[in-house]
Full PDB file with SEQRES, HELIX, SHEET, SSBOND, CRYST1, ORIGX, SCALE, CONECT and MASTER records, all heavy atoms in Angstrom:
SEQRES   1 A   40  PRO ALA GLU LEU THR ILE TRP LEU GLY ASP SER GLY VAL          
SEQRES   2 A   40  ILE LYS LYS TYR LYS LEU THR ARG SER SER GLY ASN ARG          
SEQRES   3 A   40  GLU LEU ASP ALA SER VAL GLU SER ALA ALA LYS ALA VAL          
SEQRES   4 A   40  ARG                                                          
HELIX    1 AA1 ASP A   10  GLY A   12  5                                   3    
HELIX    2 AA2 ARG A   26  ALA A   38  1                                  13    
SHEET    1 AA1 2 GLU A   3  LEU A   8  0                                        
SHEET    2 AA1 2 ILE A  14  ARG A  21 -1                                        
CRYST1    1.000    1.000    1.000  90.00  90.00  90.00 P 1           1          
ORIGX1      1.000000  0.000000  0.000000        0.00000                         
ORIGX2      0.000000  1.000000  0.000000        0.00000                         
ORIGX3      0.000000  0.000000  1.000000        0.00000                         
SCALE1      1.000000  0.000000  0.000000        0.00000                         
SCALE2      0.000000  1.000000  0.000000        0.00000                         
SCALE3      0.000000  0.000000  1.000000        0.00000                         
ATOM      1  N   PRO A   1     105.821 111.249 114.552  1.00  0.00           N  
ATOM      2  CA  PRO A   1     106.372 110.533 113.406  1.00  0.00           C  
ATOM      3  C   PRO A   1     105.286 110.202 112.403  1.00  0.00           C  
ATOM      4  O   PRO A   1     104.160 109.781 112.845  1.00  0.00           O  
ATOM      5  CB  PRO A   1     107.091 109.282 113.867  1.00  0.00           C  
ATOM      6  CG  PRO A   1     107.233 109.498 115.380  1.00  0.00           C  
ATOM      7  CD  PRO A   1     106.079 110.458 115.869  1.00  0.00           C  
ATOM      8  N   ALA A   2     105.515 110.193 111.185  1.00  0.00           N  
ATOM      9  CA  ALA A   2     104.683 109.710 110.030  1.00  0.00           C  
ATOM     10  C   ALA A   2     105.265 108.390 109.696  1.00  0.00           C  
ATOM     11  O   ALA A   2     106.343 108.019 109.591  1.00  0.00           O  
ATOM     12  CB  ALA A   2     104.724 110.652 108.777  1.00  0.00           C  
ATOM     13  N   GLU A   3     104.265 107.400 109.490  1.00  0.00           N  
ATOM     14  CA  GLU A   3     104.614 106.119 109.343  1.00  0.00           C  
ATOM     15  C   GLU A   3     104.150 105.772 107.730  1.00  0.00           C  
ATOM     16  O   GLU A   3     103.032 105.912 107.461  1.00  0.00           O  
ATOM     17  CB  GLU A   3     103.887 105.051 110.306  1.00  0.00           C  
ATOM     18  CG  GLU A   3     104.191 103.585 110.066  1.00  0.00           C  
ATOM     19  CD  GLU A   3     103.471 102.795 111.161  1.00  0.00           C  
ATOM     20  OE1 GLU A   3     103.941 102.743 112.272  1.00  0.00           O  
ATOM     21  OE2 GLU A   3     102.343 102.284 110.803  1.00  0.00           O  
ATOM     22  N   LEU A   4     105.128 105.252 107.081  1.00  0.00           N  
ATOM     23  CA  LEU A   4     104.840 104.671 105.728  1.00  0.00           C  
ATOM     24  C   LEU A   4     105.110 103.367 105.587  1.00  0.00           C  
ATOM     25  O   LEU A   4     106.245 102.814 105.940  1.00  0.00           O  
ATOM     26  CB  LEU A   4     105.710 105.547 104.751  1.00  0.00           C  
ATOM     27  CG  LEU A   4     105.711 105.335 103.256  1.00  0.00           C  
ATOM     28  CD1 LEU A   4     104.501 105.996 102.802  1.00  0.00           C  
ATOM     29  CD2 LEU A   4     106.929 105.701 102.510  1.00  0.00           C  
ATOM     30  N   THR A   5     104.312 102.549 104.946  1.00  0.00           N  
ATOM     31  CA  THR A   5     104.510 101.147 104.625  1.00  0.00           C  
ATOM     32  C   THR A   5     104.562 101.021 103.098  1.00  0.00           C  
ATOM     33  O   THR A   5     103.841 101.469 102.333  1.00  0.00           O  
ATOM     34  CB  THR A   5     103.214 100.233 105.152  1.00  0.00           C  
ATOM     35  OG1 THR A   5     103.129 100.540 106.662  1.00  0.00           O  
ATOM     36  CG2 THR A   5     103.458  98.962 104.911  1.00  0.00           C  
ATOM     37  N   ILE A   6     105.604 100.202 102.805  1.00  0.00           N  
ATOM     38  CA  ILE A   6     105.773  99.970 101.293  1.00  0.00           C  
ATOM     39  C   ILE A   6     105.810  98.401 101.134  1.00  0.00           C  
ATOM     40  O   ILE A   6     106.116  97.692 102.037  1.00  0.00           O  
ATOM     41  CB  ILE A   6     107.153 100.480 100.869  1.00  0.00           C  
ATOM     42  CG1 ILE A   6     108.321  99.903 101.594  1.00  0.00           C  
ATOM     43  CG2 ILE A   6     107.138 101.927 100.761  1.00  0.00           C  
ATOM     44  CD1 ILE A   6     109.698 100.286 101.007  1.00  0.00           C  
ATOM     45  N   TRP A   7     105.254  98.050  99.921  1.00  0.00           N  
ATOM     46  CA  TRP A   7     105.278  96.645  99.663  1.00  0.00           C  
ATOM     47  C   TRP A   7     106.100  96.450  98.439  1.00  0.00           C  
ATOM     48  O   TRP A   7     106.259  97.109  97.534  1.00  0.00           O  
ATOM     49  CB  TRP A   7     103.829  96.225  99.113  1.00  0.00           C  
ATOM     50  CG  TRP A   7     102.823  96.198 100.190  1.00  0.00           C  
ATOM     51  CD1 TRP A   7     102.332  94.988 100.759  1.00  0.00           C  
ATOM     52  CD2 TRP A   7     102.200  97.172 100.835  1.00  0.00           C  
ATOM     53  NE1 TRP A   7     101.379  95.344 101.803  1.00  0.00           N  
ATOM     54  CE2 TRP A   7     101.251  96.628 101.844  1.00  0.00           C  
ATOM     55  CE3 TRP A   7     102.053  98.676 100.794  1.00  0.00           C  
ATOM     56  CZ2 TRP A   7     100.481  97.435 102.627  1.00  0.00           C  
ATOM     57  CZ3 TRP A   7     101.313  99.370 101.597  1.00  0.00           C  
ATOM     58  CH2 TRP A   7     100.538  98.773 102.549  1.00  0.00           C  
ATOM     59  N   LEU A   8     107.060  95.461  98.692  1.00  0.00           N  
ATOM     60  CA  LEU A   8     108.058  95.150  97.723  1.00  0.00           C  
ATOM     61  C   LEU A   8     107.784  94.111  96.685  1.00  0.00           C  
ATOM     62  O   LEU A   8     107.270  93.049  97.065  1.00  0.00           O  
ATOM     63  CB  LEU A   8     109.397  94.722  98.475  1.00  0.00           C  
ATOM     64  CG  LEU A   8     110.053  95.722  99.339  1.00  0.00           C  
ATOM     65  CD1 LEU A   8     111.115  95.141 100.266  1.00  0.00           C  
ATOM     66  CD2 LEU A   8     110.613  96.940  98.558  1.00  0.00           C  
ATOM     67  N   GLY A   9     108.299  94.258  95.461  1.00  0.00           N  
ATOM     68  CA  GLY A   9     108.104  93.270  94.450  1.00  0.00           C  
ATOM     69  C   GLY A   9     109.606  92.794  94.097  1.00  0.00           C  
ATOM     70  O   GLY A   9     110.568  93.101  94.854  1.00  0.00           O  
ATOM     71  N   ASP A  10     109.654  92.035  93.039  1.00  0.00           N  
ATOM     72  CA  ASP A  10     110.965  91.473  92.557  1.00  0.00           C  
ATOM     73  C   ASP A  10     111.912  92.630  92.346  1.00  0.00           C  
ATOM     74  O   ASP A  10     111.634  93.727  91.956  1.00  0.00           O  
ATOM     75  CB  ASP A  10     110.921  90.776  91.290  1.00  0.00           C  
ATOM     76  CG  ASP A  10     109.949  89.585  91.399  1.00  0.00           C  
ATOM     77  OD1 ASP A  10     109.853  89.004  92.534  1.00  0.00           O  
ATOM     78  OD2 ASP A  10     109.350  89.080  90.392  1.00  0.00           O  
ATOM     79  N   SER A  11     113.121  92.358  92.747  1.00  0.00           N  
ATOM     80  CA  SER A  11     114.342  93.283  92.596  1.00  0.00           C  
ATOM     81  C   SER A  11     114.224  94.562  93.251  1.00  0.00           C  
ATOM     82  O   SER A  11     114.781  95.552  93.018  1.00  0.00           O  
ATOM     83  CB  SER A  11     114.577  93.470  91.110  1.00  0.00           C  
ATOM     84  OG  SER A  11     114.865  92.384  90.370  1.00  0.00           O  
ATOM     85  N   GLY A  12     113.467  94.603  94.344  1.00  0.00           N  
ATOM     86  CA  GLY A  12     113.208  95.745  95.075  1.00  0.00           C  
ATOM     87  C   GLY A  12     112.316  96.873  94.599  1.00  0.00           C  
ATOM     88  O   GLY A  12     112.294  97.955  95.021  1.00  0.00           O  
ATOM     89  N   VAL A  13     111.604  96.473  93.588  1.00  0.00           N  
ATOM     90  CA  VAL A  13     110.550  97.343  92.984  1.00  0.00           C  
ATOM     91  C   VAL A  13     109.500  97.758  94.000  1.00  0.00           C  
ATOM     92  O   VAL A  13     108.955  96.739  94.672  1.00  0.00           O  
ATOM     93  CB  VAL A  13     109.903  96.769  91.773  1.00  0.00           C  
ATOM     94  CG1 VAL A  13     108.779  97.614  91.280  1.00  0.00           C  
ATOM     95  CG2 VAL A  13     110.959  96.631  90.611  1.00  0.00           C  
ATOM     96  N   ILE A  14     109.119  98.947  94.185  1.00  0.00           N  
ATOM     97  CA  ILE A  14     107.980  99.258  95.112  1.00  0.00           C  
ATOM     98  C   ILE A  14     106.704  99.164  94.471  1.00  0.00           C  
ATOM     99  O   ILE A  14     106.386  99.833  93.397  1.00  0.00           O  
ATOM    100  CB  ILE A  14     108.169 100.775  95.700  1.00  0.00           C  
ATOM    101  CG1 ILE A  14     109.404 100.814  96.529  1.00  0.00           C  
ATOM    102  CG2 ILE A  14     106.959 101.122  96.447  1.00  0.00           C  
ATOM    103  CD1 ILE A  14     109.804 102.165  97.148  1.00  0.00           C  
ATOM    104  N   LYS A  15     105.852  98.123  94.805  1.00  0.00           N  
ATOM    105  CA  LYS A  15     104.603  97.780  94.219  1.00  0.00           C  
ATOM    106  C   LYS A  15     103.594  98.731  94.523  1.00  0.00           C  
ATOM    107  O   LYS A  15     102.562  99.072  93.960  1.00  0.00           O  
ATOM    108  CB  LYS A  15     104.348  96.273  94.442  1.00  0.00           C  
ATOM    109  CG  LYS A  15     105.274  95.374  93.851  1.00  0.00           C  
ATOM    110  CD  LYS A  15     104.868  93.879  94.199  1.00  0.00           C  
ATOM    111  CE  LYS A  15     103.622  93.520  94.785  1.00  0.00           C  
ATOM    112  NZ  LYS A  15     103.391  92.108  94.989  1.00  0.00           N  
ATOM    113  N   LYS A  16     103.616  99.103  95.849  1.00  0.00           N  
ATOM    114  CA  LYS A  16     102.539  99.886  96.595  1.00  0.00           C  
ATOM    115  C   LYS A  16     103.117 100.682  97.715  1.00  0.00           C  
ATOM    116  O   LYS A  16     104.090 100.065  98.463  1.00  0.00           O  
ATOM    117  CB  LYS A  16     101.323  98.901  96.922  1.00  0.00           C  
ATOM    118  CG  LYS A  16     100.328  99.632  97.539  1.00  0.00           C  
ATOM    119  CD  LYS A  16      99.251  98.512  97.888  1.00  0.00           C  
ATOM    120  CE  LYS A  16      98.289  98.893  99.094  1.00  0.00           C  
ATOM    121  NZ  LYS A  16      97.330  97.784  99.347  1.00  0.00           N  
ATOM    122  N   TYR A  17     102.624 101.702  98.149  1.00  0.00           N  
ATOM    123  CA  TYR A  17     102.869 102.360  99.376  1.00  0.00           C  
ATOM    124  C   TYR A  17     101.734 103.017  99.873  1.00  0.00           C  
ATOM    125  O   TYR A  17     100.791 103.322  99.179  1.00  0.00           O  
ATOM    126  CB  TYR A  17     104.092 103.523  99.177  1.00  0.00           C  
ATOM    127  CG  TYR A  17     103.594 104.572  98.389  1.00  0.00           C  
ATOM    128  CD1 TYR A  17     103.038 105.714  98.918  1.00  0.00           C  
ATOM    129  CD2 TYR A  17     104.022 104.604  96.931  1.00  0.00           C  
ATOM    130  CE1 TYR A  17     102.734 106.766  98.096  1.00  0.00           C  
ATOM    131  CE2 TYR A  17     103.652 105.573  96.065  1.00  0.00           C  
ATOM    132  CZ  TYR A  17     103.014 106.718  96.742  1.00  0.00           C  
ATOM    133  OH  TYR A  17     102.580 107.715  95.913  1.00  0.00           O  
ATOM    134  N   LYS A  18     101.695 103.262 101.313  1.00  0.00           N  
ATOM    135  CA  LYS A  18     100.595 103.925 101.986  1.00  0.00           C  
ATOM    136  C   LYS A  18     101.025 104.589 103.201  1.00  0.00           C  
ATOM    137  O   LYS A  18     101.841 104.015 104.039  1.00  0.00           O  
ATOM    138  CB  LYS A  18      99.545 102.873 102.285  1.00  0.00           C  
ATOM    139  CG  LYS A  18      98.310 103.366 102.933  1.00  0.00           C  
ATOM    140  CD  LYS A  18      97.296 102.367 103.159  1.00  0.00           C  
ATOM    141  CE  LYS A  18      96.072 102.927 103.807  1.00  0.00           C  
ATOM    142  NZ  LYS A  18      95.072 101.889 104.276  1.00  0.00           N  
ATOM    143  N   LEU A  19     100.683 105.849 103.467  1.00  0.00           N  
ATOM    144  CA  LEU A  19     100.857 106.480 104.688  1.00  0.00           C  
ATOM    145  C   LEU A  19      99.867 105.788 105.804  1.00  0.00           C  
ATOM    146  O   LEU A  19      98.696 105.865 105.728  1.00  0.00           O  
ATOM    147  CB  LEU A  19     100.456 108.017 104.671  1.00  0.00           C  
ATOM    148  CG  LEU A  19     100.854 108.781 105.793  1.00  0.00           C  
ATOM    149  CD1 LEU A  19     102.326 108.846 105.930  1.00  0.00           C  
ATOM    150  CD2 LEU A  19     100.276 110.143 105.755  1.00  0.00           C  
ATOM    151  N   THR A  20     100.551 104.932 106.565  1.00  0.00           N  
ATOM    152  CA  THR A  20      99.667 104.087 107.498  1.00  0.00           C  
ATOM    153  C   THR A  20      99.567 104.739 108.939  1.00  0.00           C  
ATOM    154  O   THR A  20      98.683 104.316 109.679  1.00  0.00           O  
ATOM    155  CB  THR A  20     100.506 102.701 107.803  1.00  0.00           C  
ATOM    156  OG1 THR A  20     101.768 102.898 108.018  1.00  0.00           O  
ATOM    157  CG2 THR A  20     100.246 101.823 106.527  1.00  0.00           C  
ATOM    158  N   ARG A  21     100.221 105.812 109.220  1.00  0.00           N  
ATOM    159  CA  ARG A  21     100.059 106.710 110.460  1.00  0.00           C  
ATOM    160  C   ARG A  21     100.277 108.132 110.047  1.00  0.00           C  
ATOM    161  O   ARG A  21     101.432 108.427 109.694  1.00  0.00           O  
ATOM    162  CB  ARG A  21     100.735 106.164 111.587  1.00  0.00           C  
ATOM    163  CG  ARG A  21     100.353 106.832 112.850  1.00  0.00           C  
ATOM    164  CD  ARG A  21     100.944 106.452 114.034  1.00  0.00           C  
ATOM    165  NE  ARG A  21     101.323 105.172 114.191  1.00  0.00           N  
ATOM    166  CZ  ARG A  21     102.506 104.756 114.675  1.00  0.00           C  
ATOM    167  NH1 ARG A  21     103.306 105.466 115.291  1.00  0.00           N  
ATOM    168  NH2 ARG A  21     102.773 103.341 114.593  1.00  0.00           N  
ATOM    169  N   SER A  22      99.364 108.896 110.225  1.00  0.00           N  
ATOM    170  CA  SER A  22      99.615 110.354 110.008  1.00  0.00           C  
ATOM    171  C   SER A  22     100.444 111.008 111.093  1.00  0.00           C  
ATOM    172  O   SER A  22     100.213 110.602 112.289  1.00  0.00           O  
ATOM    173  CB  SER A  22      98.256 111.118 109.832  1.00  0.00           C  
ATOM    174  OG  SER A  22      98.523 112.548 109.877  1.00  0.00           O  
ATOM    175  N   SER A  23     101.155 111.958 110.748  1.00  0.00           N  
ATOM    176  CA  SER A  23     102.002 112.620 111.901  1.00  0.00           C  
ATOM    177  C   SER A  23     101.102 113.743 112.547  1.00  0.00           C  
ATOM    178  O   SER A  23     101.437 114.231 113.535  1.00  0.00           O  
ATOM    179  CB  SER A  23     103.232 113.364 111.251  1.00  0.00           C  
ATOM    180  OG  SER A  23     102.667 114.454 110.361  1.00  0.00           O  
ATOM    181  N   GLY A  24      99.969 114.020 111.952  1.00  0.00           N  
ATOM    182  CA  GLY A  24      99.102 115.151 112.505  1.00  0.00           C  
ATOM    183  C   GLY A  24      99.468 116.482 111.907  1.00  0.00           C  
ATOM    184  O   GLY A  24      98.889 117.463 112.234  1.00  0.00           O  
ATOM    185  N   ASN A  25     100.465 116.506 111.033  1.00  0.00           N  
ATOM    186  CA  ASN A  25     100.946 117.612 110.204  1.00  0.00           C  
ATOM    187  C   ASN A  25     100.742 117.412 108.823  1.00  0.00           C  
ATOM    188  O   ASN A  25     101.527 116.457 108.293  1.00  0.00           O  
ATOM    189  CB  ASN A  25     102.345 117.947 110.761  1.00  0.00           C  
ATOM    190  CG  ASN A  25     102.777 119.202 109.945  1.00  0.00           C  
ATOM    191  OD1 ASN A  25     103.249 119.184 108.746  1.00  0.00           O  
ATOM    192  ND2 ASN A  25     103.045 120.291 110.762  1.00  0.00           N  
ATOM    193  N   ARG A  26     100.059 118.197 108.184  1.00  0.00           N  
ATOM    194  CA  ARG A  26      99.826 117.974 106.667  1.00  0.00           C  
ATOM    195  C   ARG A  26     101.037 118.046 105.889  1.00  0.00           C  
ATOM    196  O   ARG A  26     101.228 117.327 104.934  1.00  0.00           O  
ATOM    197  CB  ARG A  26      98.718 118.914 106.103  1.00  0.00           C  
ATOM    198  CG  ARG A  26      97.360 118.658 106.569  1.00  0.00           C  
ATOM    199  CD  ARG A  26      96.352 119.503 106.017  1.00  0.00           C  
ATOM    200  NE  ARG A  26      95.081 119.351 106.594  1.00  0.00           N  
ATOM    201  CZ  ARG A  26      93.981 119.919 106.250  1.00  0.00           C  
ATOM    202  NH1 ARG A  26      94.072 120.862 105.330  1.00  0.00           N  
ATOM    203  NH2 ARG A  26      92.765 119.649 106.767  1.00  0.00           N  
ATOM    204  N   GLU A  27     101.802 119.100 106.192  1.00  0.00           N  
ATOM    205  CA  GLU A  27     103.135 119.214 105.365  1.00  0.00           C  
ATOM    206  C   GLU A  27     104.045 117.995 105.528  1.00  0.00           C  
ATOM    207  O   GLU A  27     104.507 117.704 104.537  1.00  0.00           O  
ATOM    208  CB  GLU A  27     103.734 120.592 105.840  1.00  0.00           C  
ATOM    209  CG  GLU A  27     104.891 120.970 104.906  1.00  0.00           C  
ATOM    210  CD  GLU A  27     105.466 122.368 105.294  1.00  0.00           C  
ATOM    211  OE1 GLU A  27     104.970 123.025 106.202  1.00  0.00           O  
ATOM    212  OE2 GLU A  27     106.565 122.714 104.810  1.00  0.00           O  
ATOM    213  N   LEU A  28     104.228 117.504 106.643  1.00  0.00           N  
ATOM    214  CA  LEU A  28     105.020 116.417 106.929  1.00  0.00           C  
ATOM    215  C   LEU A  28     104.545 115.168 106.138  1.00  0.00           C  
ATOM    216  O   LEU A  28     105.196 114.554 105.383  1.00  0.00           O  
ATOM    217  CB  LEU A  28     105.219 116.126 108.502  1.00  0.00           C  
ATOM    218  CG  LEU A  28     105.986 114.771 108.691  1.00  0.00           C  
ATOM    219  CD1 LEU A  28     107.444 114.773 108.175  1.00  0.00           C  
ATOM    220  CD2 LEU A  28     106.148 114.647 110.272  1.00  0.00           C  
ATOM    221  N   ASP A  29     103.187 114.979 106.334  1.00  0.00           N  
ATOM    222  CA  ASP A  29     102.699 113.765 105.644  1.00  0.00           C  
ATOM    223  C   ASP A  29     102.714 113.992 104.183  1.00  0.00           C  
ATOM    224  O   ASP A  29     103.078 112.902 103.545  1.00  0.00           O  
ATOM    225  CB  ASP A  29     101.097 113.658 106.030  1.00  0.00           C  
ATOM    226  CG  ASP A  29     100.922 113.266 107.505  1.00  0.00           C  
ATOM    227  OD1 ASP A  29     101.864 112.900 108.108  1.00  0.00           O  
ATOM    228  OD2 ASP A  29      99.765 113.357 107.879  1.00  0.00           O  
ATOM    229  N   ALA A  30     102.567 115.036 103.644  1.00  0.00           N  
ATOM    230  CA  ALA A  30     102.680 115.304 102.226  1.00  0.00           C  
ATOM    231  C   ALA A  30     104.134 115.051 101.718  1.00  0.00           C  
ATOM    232  O   ALA A  30     104.293 114.505 100.619  1.00  0.00           O  
ATOM    233  CB  ALA A  30     102.126 116.676 101.780  1.00  0.00           C  
ATOM    234  N   SER A  31     105.113 115.469 102.547  1.00  0.00           N  
ATOM    235  CA  SER A  31     106.543 115.251 102.201  1.00  0.00           C  
ATOM    236  C   SER A  31     106.846 113.765 102.125  1.00  0.00           C  
ATOM    237  O   SER A  31     107.664 113.330 101.320  1.00  0.00           O  
ATOM    238  CB  SER A  31     107.414 115.956 103.047  1.00  0.00           C  
ATOM    239  OG  SER A  31     107.523 115.439 104.312  1.00  0.00           O  
ATOM    240  N   VAL A  32     106.253 113.153 102.985  1.00  0.00           N  
ATOM    241  CA  VAL A  32     106.613 111.570 103.083  1.00  0.00           C  
ATOM    242  C   VAL A  32     105.922 110.961 101.874  1.00  0.00           C  
ATOM    243  O   VAL A  32     106.574 110.160 101.147  1.00  0.00           O  
ATOM    244  CB  VAL A  32     106.065 111.056 104.413  1.00  0.00           C  
ATOM    245  CG1 VAL A  32     105.905 109.557 104.302  1.00  0.00           C  
ATOM    246  CG2 VAL A  32     106.886 111.408 105.572  1.00  0.00           C  
ATOM    247  N   GLU A  33     104.753 111.243 101.618  1.00  0.00           N  
ATOM    248  CA  GLU A  33     103.986 110.590 100.297  1.00  0.00           C  
ATOM    249  C   GLU A  33     104.808 111.071  99.068  1.00  0.00           C  
ATOM    250  O   GLU A  33     104.957 110.231  98.106  1.00  0.00           O  
ATOM    251  CB  GLU A  33     102.522 110.973 100.308  1.00  0.00           C  
ATOM    252  CG  GLU A  33     101.832 110.349 101.415  1.00  0.00           C  
ATOM    253  CD  GLU A  33     100.414 110.598 101.375  1.00  0.00           C  
ATOM    254  OE1 GLU A  33      99.925 111.771 101.282  1.00  0.00           O  
ATOM    255  OE2 GLU A  33      99.506 109.601 101.446  1.00  0.00           O  
ATOM    256  N   SER A  34     105.253 112.239  99.032  1.00  0.00           N  
ATOM    257  CA  SER A  34     105.872 112.827  97.881  1.00  0.00           C  
ATOM    258  C   SER A  34     107.217 111.895  97.666  1.00  0.00           C  
ATOM    259  O   SER A  34     107.657 111.531  96.549  1.00  0.00           O  
ATOM    260  CB  SER A  34     106.351 114.248  98.008  1.00  0.00           C  
ATOM    261  OG  SER A  34     107.104 114.727  96.843  1.00  0.00           O  
ATOM    262  N   ALA A  35     107.979 111.646  98.798  1.00  0.00           N  
ATOM    263  CA  ALA A  35     109.287 110.882  98.643  1.00  0.00           C  
ATOM    264  C   ALA A  35     108.921 109.457  98.216  1.00  0.00           C  
ATOM    265  O   ALA A  35     109.600 108.860  97.464  1.00  0.00           O  
ATOM    266  CB  ALA A  35     109.816 110.950 100.178  1.00  0.00           C  
ATOM    267  N   ALA A  36     107.907 108.845  98.787  1.00  0.00           N  
ATOM    268  CA  ALA A  36     107.429 107.502  98.360  1.00  0.00           C  
ATOM    269  C   ALA A  36     107.129 107.470  96.879  1.00  0.00           C  
ATOM    270  O   ALA A  36     107.562 106.462  96.247  1.00  0.00           O  
ATOM    271  CB  ALA A  36     106.273 107.065  99.214  1.00  0.00           C  
ATOM    272  N   LYS A  37     106.436 108.419  96.444  1.00  0.00           N  
ATOM    273  CA  LYS A  37     106.210 108.451  94.970  1.00  0.00           C  
ATOM    274  C   LYS A  37     107.251 108.608  94.052  1.00  0.00           C  
ATOM    275  O   LYS A  37     107.262 108.050  92.992  1.00  0.00           O  
ATOM    276  CB  LYS A  37     105.145 109.706  94.774  1.00  0.00           C  
ATOM    277  CG  LYS A  37     104.614 109.750  93.335  1.00  0.00           C  
ATOM    278  CD  LYS A  37     103.640 110.847  93.110  1.00  0.00           C  
ATOM    279  CE  LYS A  37     102.960 111.010  91.769  1.00  0.00           C  
ATOM    280  NZ  LYS A  37     102.094 112.147  91.647  1.00  0.00           N  
ATOM    281  N   ALA A  38     108.336 109.339  94.519  1.00  0.00           N  
ATOM    282  CA  ALA A  38     109.550 109.547  93.685  1.00  0.00           C  
ATOM    283  C   ALA A  38     110.430 108.204  93.641  1.00  0.00           C  
ATOM    284  O   ALA A  38     111.185 108.125  92.600  1.00  0.00           O  
ATOM    285  CB  ALA A  38     110.351 110.652  94.275  1.00  0.00           C  
ATOM    286  N   VAL A  39     110.346 107.352  94.502  1.00  0.00           N  
ATOM    287  CA  VAL A  39     111.181 106.080  94.590  1.00  0.00           C  
ATOM    288  C   VAL A  39     110.453 105.064  93.920  1.00  0.00           C  
ATOM    289  O   VAL A  39     109.480 104.541  94.256  1.00  0.00           O  
ATOM    290  CB  VAL A  39     111.609 105.727  95.979  1.00  0.00           C  
ATOM    291  CG1 VAL A  39     112.453 104.494  95.942  1.00  0.00           C  
ATOM    292  CG2 VAL A  39     112.408 106.819  96.625  1.00  0.00           C  
ATOM    293  N   ARG A  40     111.020 104.487  92.868  1.00  0.00           N  
ATOM    294  CA  ARG A  40     110.455 103.330  92.201  1.00  0.00           C  
ATOM    295  C   ARG A  40     110.899 102.098  92.574  1.00  0.00           C  
ATOM    296  O   ARG A  40     110.142 101.072  92.370  1.00  0.00           O  
ATOM    297  CB  ARG A  40     110.549 103.364  90.507  1.00  0.00           C  
ATOM    298  CG  ARG A  40     110.039 104.752  90.087  1.00  0.00           C  
ATOM    299  CD  ARG A  40     108.760 104.687  89.488  1.00  0.00           C  
ATOM    300  NE  ARG A  40     108.361 105.836  88.825  1.00  0.00           N  
ATOM    301  CZ  ARG A  40     107.158 106.527  89.035  1.00  0.00           C  
ATOM    302  NH1 ARG A  40     106.518 106.020  89.895  1.00  0.00           N  
ATOM    303  NH2 ARG A  40     106.922 107.594  88.381  1.00  0.00           N  
TER     304      ARG A  40                                                      
MASTER        0    0    0    2    2    0    0    6  303    1    0    4          
END                                                                             
């Protein structure tokens, strides 16, 4: 599993996110980071 941590601000705004544990698979990790980037 890839583990993503997000930090929340007011009204559910995502202030920051970080891939906190790699899955060991570059494609999976990149897809998780791409999803996090797309959600504001």
